Structures are given as C-alpha cells and as structure tokens.
C-alpha cells in the first residue's frame, strides 16, 4: 500500500494496518479475486480482439511496458 510520506510516522501505523486489513479481508478477498478470475477467463476465451483500458488504469500500461523492457521485448502499443 502506498502511504503519503507525511502520514508514515509511527503514530499512523494502527490506521494503515486497519485500512490494509479492511481491504485485504473485505474488498480483495470478497470481490477483486472473483472479478480477476472472470476477466482472465474472458480474455482466454479469445472472444475479443483487443482490450481498451480507461485512463484510471494507466498502471496496467506501465506494468506491461516494464515487463517488456526487462524481457527485452517490444511493448504492445495501447
């Protein structure tokens, strides 16, 4: 979890631990994993010829570009 530097002092630790626990035990376990499985199944079906990610998903492109760079392969333009 990314934490702003001005909120990383020891007195903030209980807050961030509680926040992480709520995310991990709530949203991530109950929603995100099921969504990710469905997305991967849909992509693996071959039904779509391309995928367009919204502006809020810029990190997807950064991740894939970094993987491609590290593997020495060309990144797919998106």
N, C-alpha and C. Protein backbone atom coordinates (compact mmCIF):
# COMPACT_ATOMS: atom_id res chain seq x y z
N UNK A 1 0.86 -1.17 0.00
CA UNK A 1 0.00 0.00 0.00
C UNK A 1 0.90 1.22 0.00
N UNK A 2 0.61 2.17 -0.86
CA UNK A 2 1.37 3.42 -0.90
C UNK A 2 0.83 4.37 0.16
N UNK A 3 1.73 4.92 0.93
CA UNK A 3 1.35 5.82 2.02
C UNK A 3 2.06 7.15 1.83
N UNK A 4 1.32 8.25 1.93
CA UNK A 4 1.96 9.56 1.79
C UNK A 4 3.05 9.73 2.86
N UNK A 5 4.19 10.27 2.49
CA UNK A 5 5.29 10.42 3.46
C UNK A 5 4.88 11.14 4.74
N UNK A 6 4.03 12.15 4.63
CA UNK A 6 3.66 12.91 5.83
C UNK A 6 2.70 12.13 6.74
N UNK A 7 2.25 10.93 6.28
CA UNK A 7 1.37 10.09 7.11
C UNK A 7 2.01 8.73 7.38
N UNK A 8 3.34 8.70 7.42
CA UNK A 8 4.03 7.43 7.62
C UNK A 8 4.71 7.34 8.98
N UNK A 9 4.48 8.29 9.83
CA UNK A 9 5.08 8.27 11.17
C UNK A 9 4.50 7.10 11.97
N UNK A 10 5.21 6.65 13.00
CA UNK A 10 4.74 5.51 13.81
C UNK A 10 3.31 5.65 14.34
N UNK A 11 2.87 6.87 14.63
CA UNK A 11 1.51 7.02 15.15
C UNK A 11 0.44 6.74 14.09
N UNK A 12 0.81 6.65 12.84
CA UNK A 12 -0.12 6.31 11.76
C UNK A 12 -0.21 4.80 11.53
N UNK A 13 0.69 4.02 12.09
CA UNK A 13 0.73 2.57 11.83
C UNK A 13 -0.61 1.89 12.12
N UNK A 14 -1.24 2.12 13.27
CA UNK A 14 -2.55 1.46 13.50
C UNK A 14 -3.58 1.78 12.42
N UNK A 15 -3.59 3.02 11.97
CA UNK A 15 -4.52 3.41 10.91
C UNK A 15 -4.27 2.61 9.64
N UNK A 16 -3.02 2.53 9.20
CA UNK A 16 -2.70 1.84 7.95
C UNK A 16 -2.88 0.33 8.09
N UNK A 17 -2.60 -0.23 9.26
CA UNK A 17 -2.83 -1.66 9.47
C UNK A 17 -4.32 -1.98 9.38
N UNK A 18 -5.16 -1.14 9.99
CA UNK A 18 -6.61 -1.35 9.92
C UNK A 18 -7.10 -1.20 8.48
N UNK A 19 -6.62 -0.18 7.78
CA UNK A 19 -7.01 0.05 6.39
C UNK A 19 -6.64 -1.15 5.53
N UNK A 20 -5.42 -1.63 5.68
CA UNK A 20 -4.97 -2.77 4.89
C UNK A 20 -5.82 -4.00 5.20
N UNK A 21 -6.09 -4.24 6.48
CA UNK A 21 -6.89 -5.39 6.89
C UNK A 21 -8.29 -5.33 6.27
N UNK A 22 -8.91 -4.15 6.28
CA UNK A 22 -10.24 -3.99 5.68
C UNK A 22 -10.21 -4.27 4.18
N UNK A 23 -9.17 -3.78 3.53
CA UNK A 23 -9.04 -4.02 2.08
C UNK A 23 -8.81 -5.50 1.81
N UNK A 24 -7.86 -6.08 2.52
CA UNK A 24 -7.49 -7.48 2.30
C UNK A 24 -8.64 -8.43 2.60
N UNK A 25 -9.27 -8.26 3.75
CA UNK A 25 -10.31 -9.20 4.16
C UNK A 25 -11.67 -8.89 3.55
N UNK A 26 -11.84 -7.69 3.09
CA UNK A 26 -13.13 -7.29 2.54
C UNK A 26 -13.12 -7.28 1.03
N UNK A 27 -12.75 -6.17 0.49
CA UNK A 27 -12.83 -5.96 -0.96
C UNK A 27 -11.99 -6.97 -1.73
N UNK A 28 -10.74 -7.15 -1.34
CA UNK A 28 -9.86 -8.01 -2.12
C UNK A 28 -10.35 -9.45 -2.12
N UNK A 29 -10.58 -10.02 -0.95
CA UNK A 29 -10.97 -11.42 -0.86
C UNK A 29 -12.39 -11.68 -1.38
N UNK A 30 -13.30 -10.74 -1.15
CA UNK A 30 -14.70 -10.98 -1.49
C UNK A 30 -15.09 -10.53 -2.89
N UNK A 31 -14.33 -9.60 -3.47
CA UNK A 31 -14.73 -9.06 -4.77
C UNK A 31 -13.63 -9.15 -5.83
N UNK A 32 -12.45 -8.64 -5.52
CA UNK A 32 -11.41 -8.50 -6.54
C UNK A 32 -10.95 -9.82 -7.13
N UNK A 33 -10.78 -10.84 -6.29
CA UNK A 33 -10.31 -12.12 -6.81
C UNK A 33 -11.32 -12.71 -7.78
N UNK A 34 -12.60 -12.69 -7.42
CA UNK A 34 -13.63 -13.22 -8.32
C UNK A 34 -13.66 -12.45 -9.64
N UNK A 35 -13.54 -11.13 -9.56
CA UNK A 35 -13.51 -10.32 -10.79
C UNK A 35 -12.30 -10.66 -11.65
N UNK A 36 -11.14 -10.80 -11.01
CA UNK A 36 -9.92 -11.11 -11.75
C UNK A 36 -10.03 -12.46 -12.45
N UNK A 37 -10.61 -13.43 -11.78
CA UNK A 37 -10.79 -14.76 -12.40
C UNK A 37 -11.70 -14.64 -13.62
N UNK A 38 -12.80 -13.93 -13.48
CA UNK A 38 -13.71 -13.75 -14.60
C UNK A 38 -13.07 -13.03 -15.77
N UNK A 39 -12.29 -12.01 -15.47
CA UNK A 39 -11.59 -11.27 -16.52
C UNK A 39 -10.61 -12.17 -17.26
N UNK A 40 -9.82 -12.94 -16.51
CA UNK A 40 -8.86 -13.83 -17.15
C UNK A 40 -9.55 -14.89 -18.01
N UNK A 41 -10.67 -15.41 -17.53
CA UNK A 41 -11.43 -16.39 -18.32
C UNK A 41 -11.95 -15.75 -19.61
N UNK A 42 -12.44 -14.54 -19.50
CA UNK A 42 -12.93 -13.84 -20.68
C UNK A 42 -11.82 -13.57 -21.68
N UNK A 43 -10.67 -13.13 -21.19
CA UNK A 43 -9.54 -12.87 -22.09
C UNK A 43 -9.04 -14.16 -22.75
N UNK A 44 -9.01 -15.24 -21.97
CA UNK A 44 -8.53 -16.52 -22.50
C UNK A 44 -9.48 -17.12 -23.54
N UNK A 45 -10.73 -16.68 -23.55
CA UNK A 45 -11.71 -17.24 -24.49
C UNK A 45 -11.40 -16.86 -25.93
N UNK A 46 -10.67 -15.77 -26.11
CA UNK A 46 -10.36 -15.33 -27.46
C UNK A 46 -11.49 -14.58 -28.14
N UNK A 47 -12.54 -14.27 -27.41
CA UNK A 47 -13.71 -13.60 -27.98
C UNK A 47 -13.42 -12.15 -28.37
N UNK A 48 -12.44 -11.53 -27.75
CA UNK A 48 -12.12 -10.13 -28.05
C UNK A 48 -10.80 -10.03 -28.79
N UNK A 49 -10.75 -9.15 -29.74
CA UNK A 49 -9.52 -8.96 -30.50
C UNK A 49 -8.60 -7.93 -29.84
N UNK A 50 -9.16 -7.10 -28.95
CA UNK A 50 -8.34 -6.10 -28.26
C UNK A 50 -9.02 -5.70 -26.95
N UNK A 51 -8.29 -4.99 -26.14
CA UNK A 51 -8.79 -4.53 -24.85
C UNK A 51 -8.41 -3.06 -24.71
N UNK A 52 -9.36 -2.25 -24.35
CA UNK A 52 -9.10 -0.83 -24.12
C UNK A 52 -9.25 -0.55 -22.64
N UNK A 53 -8.19 -0.06 -22.01
CA UNK A 53 -8.22 0.28 -20.59
C UNK A 53 -8.50 1.76 -20.45
N UNK A 54 -9.23 2.12 -19.43
CA UNK A 54 -9.55 3.52 -19.17
C UNK A 54 -8.37 4.29 -18.60
N UNK A 55 -8.50 5.58 -18.53
CA UNK A 55 -7.44 6.43 -18.01
C UNK A 55 -7.05 6.10 -16.57
N UNK A 56 -8.00 5.61 -15.79
CA UNK A 56 -7.72 5.27 -14.40
C UNK A 56 -6.86 4.02 -14.28
N UNK A 57 -6.65 3.32 -15.38
CA UNK A 57 -5.88 2.08 -15.36
C UNK A 57 -4.50 2.26 -16.01
N UNK A 58 -3.93 3.43 -15.92
CA UNK A 58 -2.62 3.71 -16.53
C UNK A 58 -1.54 2.76 -16.03
N UNK A 59 -1.65 2.32 -14.78
CA UNK A 59 -0.62 1.44 -14.23
C UNK A 59 -0.53 0.12 -14.99
N UNK A 60 -1.61 -0.31 -15.64
CA UNK A 60 -1.56 -1.52 -16.46
C UNK A 60 -0.52 -1.38 -17.57
N UNK A 61 -0.57 -0.26 -18.25
CA UNK A 61 0.39 0.00 -19.31
C UNK A 61 1.81 0.11 -18.79
N UNK A 62 1.97 0.77 -17.66
CA UNK A 62 3.31 0.91 -17.06
C UNK A 62 3.87 -0.46 -16.72
N UNK A 63 3.03 -1.31 -16.12
CA UNK A 63 3.46 -2.65 -15.74
C UNK A 63 3.92 -3.44 -16.97
N UNK A 64 3.08 -3.48 -17.99
CA UNK A 64 3.41 -4.27 -19.17
C UNK A 64 4.62 -3.71 -19.91
N UNK A 65 4.75 -2.39 -19.95
CA UNK A 65 5.92 -1.79 -20.58
C UNK A 65 7.19 -2.15 -19.81
N UNK A 66 7.11 -2.16 -18.48
CA UNK A 66 8.27 -2.50 -17.66
C UNK A 66 8.64 -3.98 -17.84
N UNK A 67 7.64 -4.86 -17.87
CA UNK A 67 7.92 -6.28 -18.10
C UNK A 67 8.57 -6.46 -19.46
N UNK A 68 8.03 -5.81 -20.50
CA UNK A 68 8.60 -5.92 -21.84
C UNK A 68 10.03 -5.39 -21.87
N UNK A 69 10.26 -4.28 -21.18
CA UNK A 69 11.61 -3.70 -21.14
C UNK A 69 12.59 -4.68 -20.48
N UNK A 70 12.18 -5.25 -19.38
CA UNK A 70 13.05 -6.17 -18.65
C UNK A 70 13.29 -7.47 -19.42
N UNK A 71 12.32 -7.88 -20.22
CA UNK A 71 12.46 -9.09 -21.03
C UNK A 71 13.17 -8.80 -22.35
N UNK A 72 13.33 -7.51 -22.66
CA UNK A 72 13.98 -7.14 -23.91
C UNK A 72 13.08 -7.32 -25.11
N UNK A 73 11.77 -7.21 -24.90
CA UNK A 73 10.82 -7.34 -25.99
C UNK A 73 10.11 -6.02 -26.21
N UNK A 74 9.51 -5.86 -27.35
CA UNK A 74 8.79 -4.62 -27.65
C UNK A 74 7.46 -4.61 -26.91
N UNK A 75 7.13 -3.48 -26.33
CA UNK A 75 5.83 -3.33 -25.65
C UNK A 75 4.75 -3.15 -26.70
N UNK A 76 3.58 -3.68 -26.43
CA UNK A 76 2.45 -3.52 -27.32
C UNK A 76 1.86 -2.13 -27.10
N UNK A 77 1.69 -1.38 -28.17
CA UNK A 77 1.11 -0.04 -28.05
C UNK A 77 -0.34 -0.15 -27.62
N UNK A 78 -0.77 0.79 -26.81
CA UNK A 78 -2.14 0.69 -26.35
C UNK A 78 -2.78 1.94 -26.27
